Amino acid sequence: MKRNALIVVVSLALAAWVGPAAAQPGAVAAAGSSAAAGVAKFAAGKDYELLAPAQPTVGDTAGGKVEVAEVFMFGCPHCAAFEPRLKDWLKTAPGYVSFVRIPAVWNAIAELHARAYYTAEALGKTAEIDGPFFDEIHGKHDMLDSEDKLAAFFARFGVDDKTFRNTFESFAIDAKVSRAQDLVKRYKVPGTPAIVVAGKYLTSGAMAGNYESWFAIVDELAAKEHAAPSPAK
């Protein structure tokens, strides 16, 4: 969440979408994926925004991979509500999808949490920590708002205090957080959670109207990118 955020009420407890600026609800898109049929069911400006020019992605998308990036904040309740649905989608996502996460760094606590996310990533702990991190904040109401609290939290997952702090305070994590800030700006993300496909398309729950439509939009855009001819060398 960020200052002056407007909560956008949409169907299914997707309910709200939190961001640094006011957002308006989009029309409800038709559910279901049309990607397999090769017929575009969703439209730019309505169901997603076209990022022009295309922006960098987080990782390497060689070999026909299509990056699908979630822009999120651990402190965002709507990201927490989205999490189990996202996990379900990932179980059935096409093999060409390369999923990444980008933490939005919109306030001091969000920066701490972004550092914690990249620390977990560097230590190979994201699979263990992501779910409990959301639960700690939204279930147990512990905001994990200091380095000491985060060190104690990581200790529960077998990370000793020295290893945590050396990683958390490292230049490598500084660079990751700086990169995340740059990408969120480049993608013009107005709220969390949001999905960016291939650095070219931005979509959100507010635009989709419900979870089913949202994932159908992501599926269609990813399939479109996967089917597109590779750029000439």
C-alpha atoms as a PDB file:
ATOM      1  CA  MET A   1       0.000   0.000   0.000  1.00  0.00           C
ATOM      2  CA  LYS A   2       1.112   3.579  -0.563  1.00  0.00           C
ATOM      3  CA  ARG A   3      -0.058   7.003   0.545  1.00  0.00           C
ATOM      4  CA  ASN A   4      -3.319   8.303  -0.888  1.00  0.00           C
ATOM      5  CA  ALA A   5      -4.186   4.784  -2.071  1.00  0.00           C
ATOM      6  CA  LEU A   6      -7.724   4.254  -3.235  1.00  0.00           C
ATOM      7  CA  ILE A   7      -9.349   0.917  -2.512  1.00  0.00           C
ATOM      8  CA  VAL A   8     -11.117  -0.298  -5.609  1.00  0.00           C
ATOM      9  CA  VAL A   9     -13.980  -2.637  -4.945  1.00  0.00           C
ATOM     10  CA  VAL A  10     -14.345  -5.398  -7.488  1.00  0.00           C
ATOM     11  CA  SER A  11     -15.996  -8.784  -7.421  1.00  0.00           C
ATOM     12  CA  LEU A  12     -14.733 -11.854  -5.530  1.00  0.00           C
ATOM     13  CA  ALA A  13     -12.656 -10.718  -2.524  1.00  0.00           C
ATOM     14  CA  LEU A  14     -10.172  -9.407  -5.112  1.00  0.00           C
ATOM     15  CA  ALA A  15     -12.049  -6.489  -3.781  1.00  0.00           C
ATOM     16  CA  ALA A  16      -9.423  -3.904  -3.696  1.00  0.00           C
ATOM     17  CA  TRP A  17      -6.255  -2.899  -5.341  1.00  0.00           C
ATOM     18  CA  VAL A  18      -3.724  -0.814  -3.505  1.00  0.00           C
ATOM     19  CA  GLY A  19      -1.369   1.691  -5.052  1.00  0.00           C
ATOM     20  CA  PRO A  20       0.363   5.010  -4.809  1.00  0.00           C
ATOM     21  CA  ALA A  21      -2.272   6.813  -6.843  1.00  0.00           C
ATOM     22  CA  ALA A  22      -6.015   6.575  -7.315  1.00  0.00           C
ATOM     23  CA  ALA A  23      -7.133   3.827  -9.688  1.00  0.00           C
ATOM     24  CA  GLN A  24     -10.450   3.333 -11.401  1.00  0.00           C
ATOM     25  CA  PRO A  25     -12.167  -0.048 -11.830  1.00  0.00           C
ATOM     26  CA  GLY A  26     -12.121  -1.474 -15.335  1.00  0.00           C
ATOM     27  CA  ALA A  27     -14.937  -3.242 -17.050  1.00  0.00           C
ATOM     28  CA  VAL A  28     -15.340  -6.908 -16.253  1.00  0.00           C
ATOM     29  CA  ALA A  29     -13.632  -8.948 -18.950  1.00  0.00           C
ATOM     30  CA  ALA A  30     -15.160 -12.091 -20.318  1.00  0.00           C
ATOM     31  CA  ALA A  31     -13.828 -15.118 -18.511  1.00  0.00           C
ATOM     32  CA  GLY A  32     -11.913 -17.938 -20.093  1.00  0.00           C
ATOM     33  CA  SER A  33      -8.850 -18.176 -22.254  1.00  0.00           C
ATOM     34  CA  SER A  34      -8.992 -17.642 -25.977  1.00  0.00           C
ATOM     35  CA  ALA A  35      -5.266 -17.994 -26.496  1.00  0.00           C
ATOM     36  CA  ALA A  36      -5.464 -21.576 -27.690  1.00  0.00           C
ATOM     37  CA  ALA A  37      -7.850 -20.543 -30.450  1.00  0.00           C
ATOM     38  CA  GLY A  38      -5.592 -17.654 -31.475  1.00  0.00           C
ATOM     39  CA  VAL A  39      -8.447 -15.162 -31.170  1.00  0.00           C
ATOM     40  CA  ALA A  40      -7.837 -12.067 -29.044  1.00  0.00           C
ATOM     41  CA  LYS A  41     -10.575 -11.808 -26.470  1.00  0.00           C
ATOM     42  CA  PHE A  42      -9.118  -8.935 -24.476  1.00  0.00           C
ATOM     43  CA  ALA A  43      -8.322  -5.386 -25.508  1.00  0.00           C
ATOM     44  CA  ALA A  44      -5.569  -2.901 -24.742  1.00  0.00           C
ATOM     45  CA  GLY A  45      -6.812   0.070 -22.758  1.00  0.00           C
ATOM     46  CA  LYS A  46      -9.619  -1.993 -21.271  1.00  0.00           C
ATOM     47  CA  ASP A  47      -8.282  -5.289 -19.983  1.00  0.00           C
ATOM     48  CA  TYR A  48      -4.600  -4.379 -19.950  1.00  0.00           C
ATOM     49  CA  GLU A  49      -2.300  -1.470 -20.692  1.00  0.00           C
ATOM     50  CA  LEU A  50       0.278  -1.652 -23.461  1.00  0.00           C
ATOM     51  CA  LEU A  51       3.680  -0.459 -22.274  1.00  0.00           C
ATOM     52  CA  ALA A  52       5.271   1.512 -25.083  1.00  0.00           C
ATOM     53  CA  PRO A  53       8.099   1.234 -25.612  1.00  0.00           C
ATOM     54  CA  ALA A  54       8.556  -2.272 -24.236  1.00  0.00           C
ATOM     55  CA  GLN A  55      10.528  -2.314 -20.993  1.00  0.00           C
ATOM     56  CA  PRO A  56      13.286  -4.603 -19.675  1.00  0.00           C
ATOM     57  CA  THR A  57      12.385  -7.834 -17.939  1.00  0.00           C
ATOM     58  CA  VAL A  58      13.876  -9.209 -14.741  1.00  0.00           C
ATOM     59  CA  GLY A  59      15.420 -12.378 -16.124  1.00  0.00           C
ATOM     60  CA  ASP A  60      16.634 -14.071 -19.264  1.00  0.00           C
ATOM     61  CA  THR A  61      13.771 -14.959 -21.600  1.00  0.00           C
ATOM     62  CA  ALA A  62      15.844 -16.965 -24.082  1.00  0.00           C
ATOM     63  CA  GLY A  63      14.469 -20.207 -25.450  1.00  0.00           C
ATOM     64  CA  GLY A  64      10.951 -18.920 -25.989  1.00  0.00           C
ATOM     65  CA  LYS A  65      10.315 -18.139 -22.339  1.00  0.00           C
ATOM     66  CA  VAL A  66       7.789 -15.402 -21.527  1.00  0.00           C
ATOM     67  CA  GLU A  67       8.260 -13.520 -18.290  1.00  0.00           C
ATOM     68  CA  VAL A  68       5.200 -13.013 -16.105  1.00  0.00           C
ATOM     69  CA  ALA A  69       6.044 -10.677 -13.227  1.00  0.00           C
ATOM     70  CA  GLU A  70       3.903 -10.014 -10.188  1.00  0.00           C
ATOM     71  CA  VAL A  71       4.453  -6.589  -8.642  1.00  0.00           C
ATOM     72  CA  PHE A  72       3.521  -6.999  -4.991  1.00  0.00           C
ATOM     73  CA  MET A  73       4.038  -5.906  -1.401  1.00  0.00           C
ATOM     74  CA  PHE A  74       4.054  -8.234   1.589  1.00  0.00           C
ATOM     75  CA  GLY A  75       2.189  -5.572   3.559  1.00  0.00           C
ATOM     76  CA  CYS A  76      -0.617  -5.310   0.984  1.00  0.00           C
ATOM     77  CA  PRO A  77      -3.742  -7.237   2.136  1.00  0.00           C
ATOM     78  CA  HIS A  78      -4.901  -7.662  -1.450  1.00  0.00           C
ATOM     79  CA  CYS A  79      -1.583  -9.277  -2.384  1.00  0.00           C
ATOM     80  CA  ALA A  80      -2.115 -11.645   0.550  1.00  0.00           C
ATOM     81  CA  ALA A  81      -5.625 -12.489  -0.718  1.00  0.00           C
ATOM     82  CA  PHE A  82      -4.245 -12.992  -4.230  1.00  0.00           C
ATOM     83  CA  GLU A  83      -1.445 -15.310  -3.091  1.00  0.00           C
ATOM     84  CA  PRO A  84      -3.323 -18.657  -2.933  1.00  0.00           C
ATOM     85  CA  ARG A  85      -4.985 -18.008  -6.302  1.00  0.00           C
ATOM     86  CA  LEU A  86      -1.632 -17.152  -7.826  1.00  0.00           C
ATOM     87  CA  LYS A  87      -0.162 -20.384  -6.435  1.00  0.00           C
ATOM     88  CA  ASP A  88      -3.006 -22.351  -8.019  1.00  0.00           C
ATOM     89  CA  TRP A  89      -2.454 -20.661 -11.388  1.00  0.00           C
ATOM     90  CA  LEU A  90       1.275 -21.400 -11.280  1.00  0.00           C
ATOM     91  CA  LYS A  91       0.525 -25.126 -10.954  1.00  0.00           C
ATOM     92  CA  THR A  92      -1.107 -25.090 -14.398  1.00  0.00           C
ATOM     93  CA  ALA A  93       0.794 -22.266 -16.130  1.00  0.00           C
ATOM     94  CA  PRO A  94       2.351 -23.194 -19.492  1.00  0.00           C
ATOM     95  CA  GLY A  95       5.947 -24.368 -19.452  1.00  0.00           C
ATOM     96  CA  TYR A  96       7.063 -21.322 -21.414  1.00  0.00           C
ATOM     97  CA  VAL A  97       6.039 -18.998 -18.577  1.00  0.00           C
ATOM     98  CA  SER A  98       8.911 -17.708 -16.460  1.00  0.00           C
ATOM     99  CA  PHE A  99       7.362 -16.325 -13.262  1.00  0.00           C
ATOM    100  CA  VAL A 100       9.140 -13.693 -11.183  1.00  0.00           C
ATOM    101  CA  ARG A 101       8.206 -11.312  -8.405  1.00  0.00           C
ATOM    102  CA  ILE A 102       9.057  -7.647  -8.101  1.00  0.00           C
ATOM    103  CA  PRO A 103       8.504  -5.989  -4.722  1.00  0.00           C
ATOM    104  CA  ALA A 104       7.110  -2.450  -4.919  1.00  0.00           C
ATOM    105  CA  VAL A 105       9.191  -0.126  -2.755  1.00  0.00           C
ATOM    106  CA  TRP A 106       6.771   2.665  -1.968  1.00  0.00           C
ATOM    107  CA  ASN A 107       7.528   3.343   1.697  1.00  0.00           C
ATOM    108  CA  ALA A 108      10.097   2.541   4.387  1.00  0.00           C
ATOM    109  CA  ILE A 109       8.449  -0.691   5.551  1.00  0.00           C
ATOM    110  CA  ALA A 110       7.998  -1.846   1.958  1.00  0.00           C
ATOM    111  CA  GLU A 111      11.734  -1.303   1.456  1.00  0.00           C
ATOM    112  CA  LEU A 112      12.528  -3.479   4.480  1.00  0.00           C
ATOM    113  CA  HIS A 113      10.233  -6.161   3.107  1.00  0.00           C
ATOM    114  CA  ALA A 114      11.785  -5.892  -0.359  1.00  0.00           C
ATOM    115  CA  ARG A 115      15.218  -6.407   1.180  1.00  0.00           C
ATOM    116  CA  ALA A 116      13.828  -9.394   3.080  1.00  0.00           C
ATOM    117  CA  TYR A 117      12.381 -10.856  -0.133  1.00  0.00           C
ATOM    118  CA  TYR A 118      15.683 -10.594  -1.968  1.00  0.00           C
ATOM    119  CA  THR A 119      17.537 -11.911   1.087  1.00  0.00           C
ATOM    120  CA  ALA A 120      15.306 -14.988   1.070  1.00  0.00           C
ATOM    121  CA  GLU A 121      15.915 -15.340  -2.667  1.00  0.00           C
ATOM    122  CA  ALA A 122      19.694 -15.108  -2.230  1.00  0.00           C
ATOM    123  CA  LEU A 123      19.583 -17.756   0.502  1.00  0.00           C
ATOM    124  CA  GLY A 124      17.282 -20.090  -1.430  1.00  0.00           C
ATOM    125  CA  LYS A 125      14.472 -19.621   1.086  1.00  0.00           C
ATOM    126  CA  THR A 126      11.672 -17.962  -0.899  1.00  0.00           C
ATOM    127  CA  ALA A 127       9.578 -21.135  -1.203  1.00  0.00           C
ATOM    128  CA  GLU A 128       9.722 -21.603   2.567  1.00  0.00           C
ATOM    129  CA  ILE A 129       9.297 -17.995   3.606  1.00  0.00           C
ATOM    130  CA  ASP A 130       6.828 -16.286   1.236  1.00  0.00           C
ATOM    131  CA  GLY A 131       3.641 -17.832   2.630  1.00  0.00           C
ATOM    132  CA  PRO A 132       4.605 -17.499   6.307  1.00  0.00           C
ATOM    133  CA  PHE A 133       5.732 -13.903   5.668  1.00  0.00           C
ATOM    134  CA  PHE A 134       2.250 -12.972   4.446  1.00  0.00           C
ATOM    135  CA  ASP A 135       0.702 -14.858   7.372  1.00  0.00           C
ATOM    136  CA  GLU A 136       2.947 -13.154   9.914  1.00  0.00           C
ATOM    137  CA  ILE A 137       1.738  -9.751   8.757  1.00  0.00           C
ATOM    138  CA  HIS A 138      -1.915 -10.387   7.912  1.00  0.00           C
ATOM    139  CA  GLY A 139      -2.680 -13.309  10.222  1.00  0.00           C
ATOM    140  CA  LYS A 140      -0.571 -12.550  13.289  1.00  0.00           C
ATOM    141  CA  HIS A 141      -0.521  -8.759  12.759  1.00  0.00           C
ATOM    142  CA  ASP A 142       3.237  -8.506  13.154  1.00  0.00           C
ATOM    143  CA  MET A 143       4.416  -6.030  10.528  1.00  0.00           C
ATOM    144  CA  LEU A 144       8.024  -7.262  10.637  1.00  0.00           C
ATOM    145  CA  ASP A 145       8.983  -3.612  10.574  1.00  0.00           C
ATOM    146  CA  SER A 146      12.590  -3.753  11.758  1.00  0.00           C
ATOM    147  CA  GLU A 147      15.754  -5.585  10.838  1.00  0.00           C
ATOM    148  CA  ASP A 148      15.787  -7.262  14.258  1.00  0.00           C
ATOM    149  CA  LYS A 149      12.266  -8.633  13.784  1.00  0.00           C
ATOM    150  CA  LEU A 150      13.202  -9.860  10.341  1.00  0.00           C
ATOM    151  CA  ALA A 151      16.346 -11.556  11.692  1.00  0.00           C
ATOM    152  CA  ALA A 152      14.235 -13.372  14.296  1.00  0.00           C
ATOM    153  CA  PHE A 153      11.722 -14.361  11.609  1.00  0.00           C
ATOM    154  CA  PHE A 154      14.441 -15.777   9.329  1.00  0.00           C
ATOM    155  CA  ALA A 155      15.928 -17.686  12.284  1.00  0.00           C
ATOM    156  CA  ARG A 156      12.736 -19.772  12.328  1.00  0.00           C
ATOM    157  CA  PHE A 157      13.760 -21.045   8.900  1.00  0.00           C
ATOM    158  CA  GLY A 158      17.305 -21.988   9.840  1.00  0.00           C
ATOM    159  CA  VAL A 159      19.065 -18.744   8.908  1.00  0.00           C
ATOM    160  CA  ASP A 160      21.486 -17.626  11.603  1.00  0.00           C
ATOM    161  CA  ASP A 161      21.669 -13.978  12.613  1.00  0.00           C
ATOM    162  CA  LYS A 162      25.069 -13.293  11.026  1.00  0.00           C
ATOM    163  CA  THR A 163      24.148 -14.855   7.686  1.00  0.00           C
ATOM    164  CA  PHE A 164      20.884 -12.943   7.605  1.00  0.00           C
ATOM    165  CA  ARG A 165      22.425  -9.549   8.391  1.00  0.00           C
ATOM    166  CA  ASN A 166      25.406  -9.985   6.071  1.00  0.00           C
ATOM    167  CA  THR A 167      23.035 -10.788   3.212  1.00  0.00           C
ATOM    168  CA  PHE A 168      20.336  -8.261   4.107  1.00  0.00           C
ATOM    169  CA  GLU A 169      22.874  -5.408   4.301  1.00  0.00           C
ATOM    170  CA  SER A 170      24.913  -6.439   1.248  1.00  0.00           C
ATOM    171  CA  PHE A 171      25.573  -4.461  -1.917  1.00  0.00           C
ATOM    172  CA  ALA A 172      23.959  -7.285  -3.885  1.00  0.00           C
ATOM    173  CA  ILE A 173      20.651  -6.714  -2.101  1.00  0.00           C
ATOM    174  CA  ASP A 174      21.047  -2.932  -2.521  1.00  0.00           C
ATOM    175  CA  ALA A 175      21.305  -3.513  -6.274  1.00  0.00           C
ATOM    176  CA  LYS A 176      18.260  -5.811  -6.360  1.00  0.00           C
ATOM    177  CA  VAL A 177      16.095  -3.290  -4.493  1.00  0.00           C
ATOM    178  CA  SER A 178      17.280  -0.449  -6.722  1.00  0.00           C
ATOM    179  CA  ARG A 179      16.474  -2.519  -9.805  1.00  0.00           C
ATOM    180  CA  ALA A 180      12.991  -3.287  -8.472  1.00  0.00           C
ATOM    181  CA  GLN A 181      12.329   0.417  -7.885  1.00  0.00           C
ATOM    182  CA  ASP A 182      13.423   1.212 -11.428  1.00  0.00           C
ATOM    183  CA  LEU A 183      11.263  -1.498 -13.012  1.00  0.00           C
ATOM    184  CA  VAL A 184       8.132  -0.531 -11.072  1.00  0.00           C
ATOM    185  CA  LYS A 185       8.567   3.027 -12.327  1.00  0.00           C
ATOM    186  CA  ARG A 186       9.202   1.882 -15.886  1.00  0.00           C
ATOM    187  CA  TYR A 187       6.114  -0.323 -15.805  1.00  0.00           C
ATOM    188  CA  LYS A 188       4.012   2.595 -14.480  1.00  0.00           C
ATOM    189  CA  VAL A 189       2.471   0.359 -11.844  1.00  0.00           C
ATOM    190  CA  PRO A 190      -0.330   2.258 -10.077  1.00  0.00           C
ATOM    191  CA  GLY A 191      -1.207  -0.362  -7.471  1.00  0.00           C
ATOM    192  CA  THR A 192      -0.565  -3.828  -6.098  1.00  0.00           C
ATOM    193  CA  PRO A 193      -0.947  -6.582  -6.955  1.00  0.00           C
ATOM    194  CA  ALA A 194      -0.289  -6.095 -10.649  1.00  0.00           C
ATOM    195  CA  ILE A 195       0.959  -8.403 -13.396  1.00  0.00           C
ATOM    196  CA  VAL A 196       3.404  -7.428 -16.142  1.00  0.00           C
ATOM    197  CA  VAL A 197       3.813  -9.774 -19.115  1.00  0.00           C
ATOM    198  CA  ALA A 198       7.052  -9.702 -21.119  1.00  0.00           C
ATOM    199  CA  GLY A 199       7.753  -6.110 -20.091  1.00  0.00           C
ATOM    200  CA  LYS A 200       5.047  -5.093 -22.575  1.00  0.00           C
ATOM    201  CA  TYR A 201       1.652  -5.467 -20.906  1.00  0.00           C
ATOM    202  CA  LEU A 202       0.344  -4.370 -17.520  1.00  0.00           C
ATOM    203  CA  THR A 203      -2.864  -5.784 -16.088  1.00  0.00           C
ATOM    204  CA  SER A 204      -4.560  -5.696 -12.704  1.00  0.00           C
ATOM    205  CA  GLY A 205      -7.536  -7.002 -10.787  1.00  0.00           C
ATOM    206  CA  ALA A 206      -9.238  -3.645 -11.179  1.00  0.00           C
ATOM    207  CA  MET A 207      -9.053  -3.967 -14.957  1.00  0.00           C
ATOM    208  CA  ALA A 208     -10.049  -7.634 -15.067  1.00  0.00           C
ATOM    209  CA  GLY A 209     -12.910  -7.460 -12.581  1.00  0.00           C
ATOM    210  CA  ASN A 210     -12.419 -10.972 -11.188  1.00  0.00           C
ATOM    211  CA  TYR A 211      -9.712 -13.571 -10.726  1.00  0.00           C
ATOM    212  CA  GLU A 212     -10.853 -15.858 -13.529  1.00  0.00           C
ATOM    213  CA  SER A 213     -10.746 -13.059 -16.078  1.00  0.00           C
ATOM    214  CA  TRP A 214      -7.438 -11.790 -14.741  1.00  0.00           C
ATOM    215  CA  PHE A 215      -5.679 -15.096 -15.266  1.00  0.00           C
ATOM    216  CA  ALA A 216      -7.354 -15.495 -18.665  1.00  0.00           C
ATOM    217  CA  ILE A 217      -5.888 -12.112 -19.670  1.00  0.00           C
ATOM    218  CA  VAL A 218      -2.438 -13.171 -18.471  1.00  0.00           C
ATOM    219  CA  ASP A 219      -2.736 -16.501 -20.309  1.00  0.00           C
ATOM    220  CA  GLU A 220      -3.738 -14.776 -23.543  1.00  0.00           C
ATOM    221  CA  LEU A 221      -0.931 -12.215 -23.402  1.00  0.00           C
ATOM    222  CA  ALA A 222       1.695 -14.832 -22.534  1.00  0.00           C
ATOM    223  CA  ALA A 223       0.512 -17.091 -25.377  1.00  0.00           C
ATOM    224  CA  LYS A 224       0.602 -14.147 -27.765  1.00  0.00           C
ATOM    225  CA  GLU A 225       4.188 -13.387 -26.844  1.00  0.00           C
ATOM    226  CA  HIS A 226       5.200 -17.031 -27.043  1.00  0.00           C
ATOM    227  CA  ALA A 227       3.732 -17.322 -30.545  1.00  0.00           C
ATOM    228  CA  ALA A 228       5.339 -14.109 -31.795  1.00  0.00           C
ATOM    229  CA  PRO A 229       8.344 -14.466 -34.137  1.00  0.00           C
ATOM    230  CA  SER A 230      11.709 -14.003 -32.458  1.00  0.00           C
ATOM    231  CA  PRO A 231      13.315 -10.639 -33.230  1.00  0.00           C
ATOM    232  CA  ALA A 232      15.922 -10.705 -35.963  1.00  0.00           C
ATOM    233  CA  LYS A 233      19.473 -10.931 -34.756  1.00  0.00           C
END
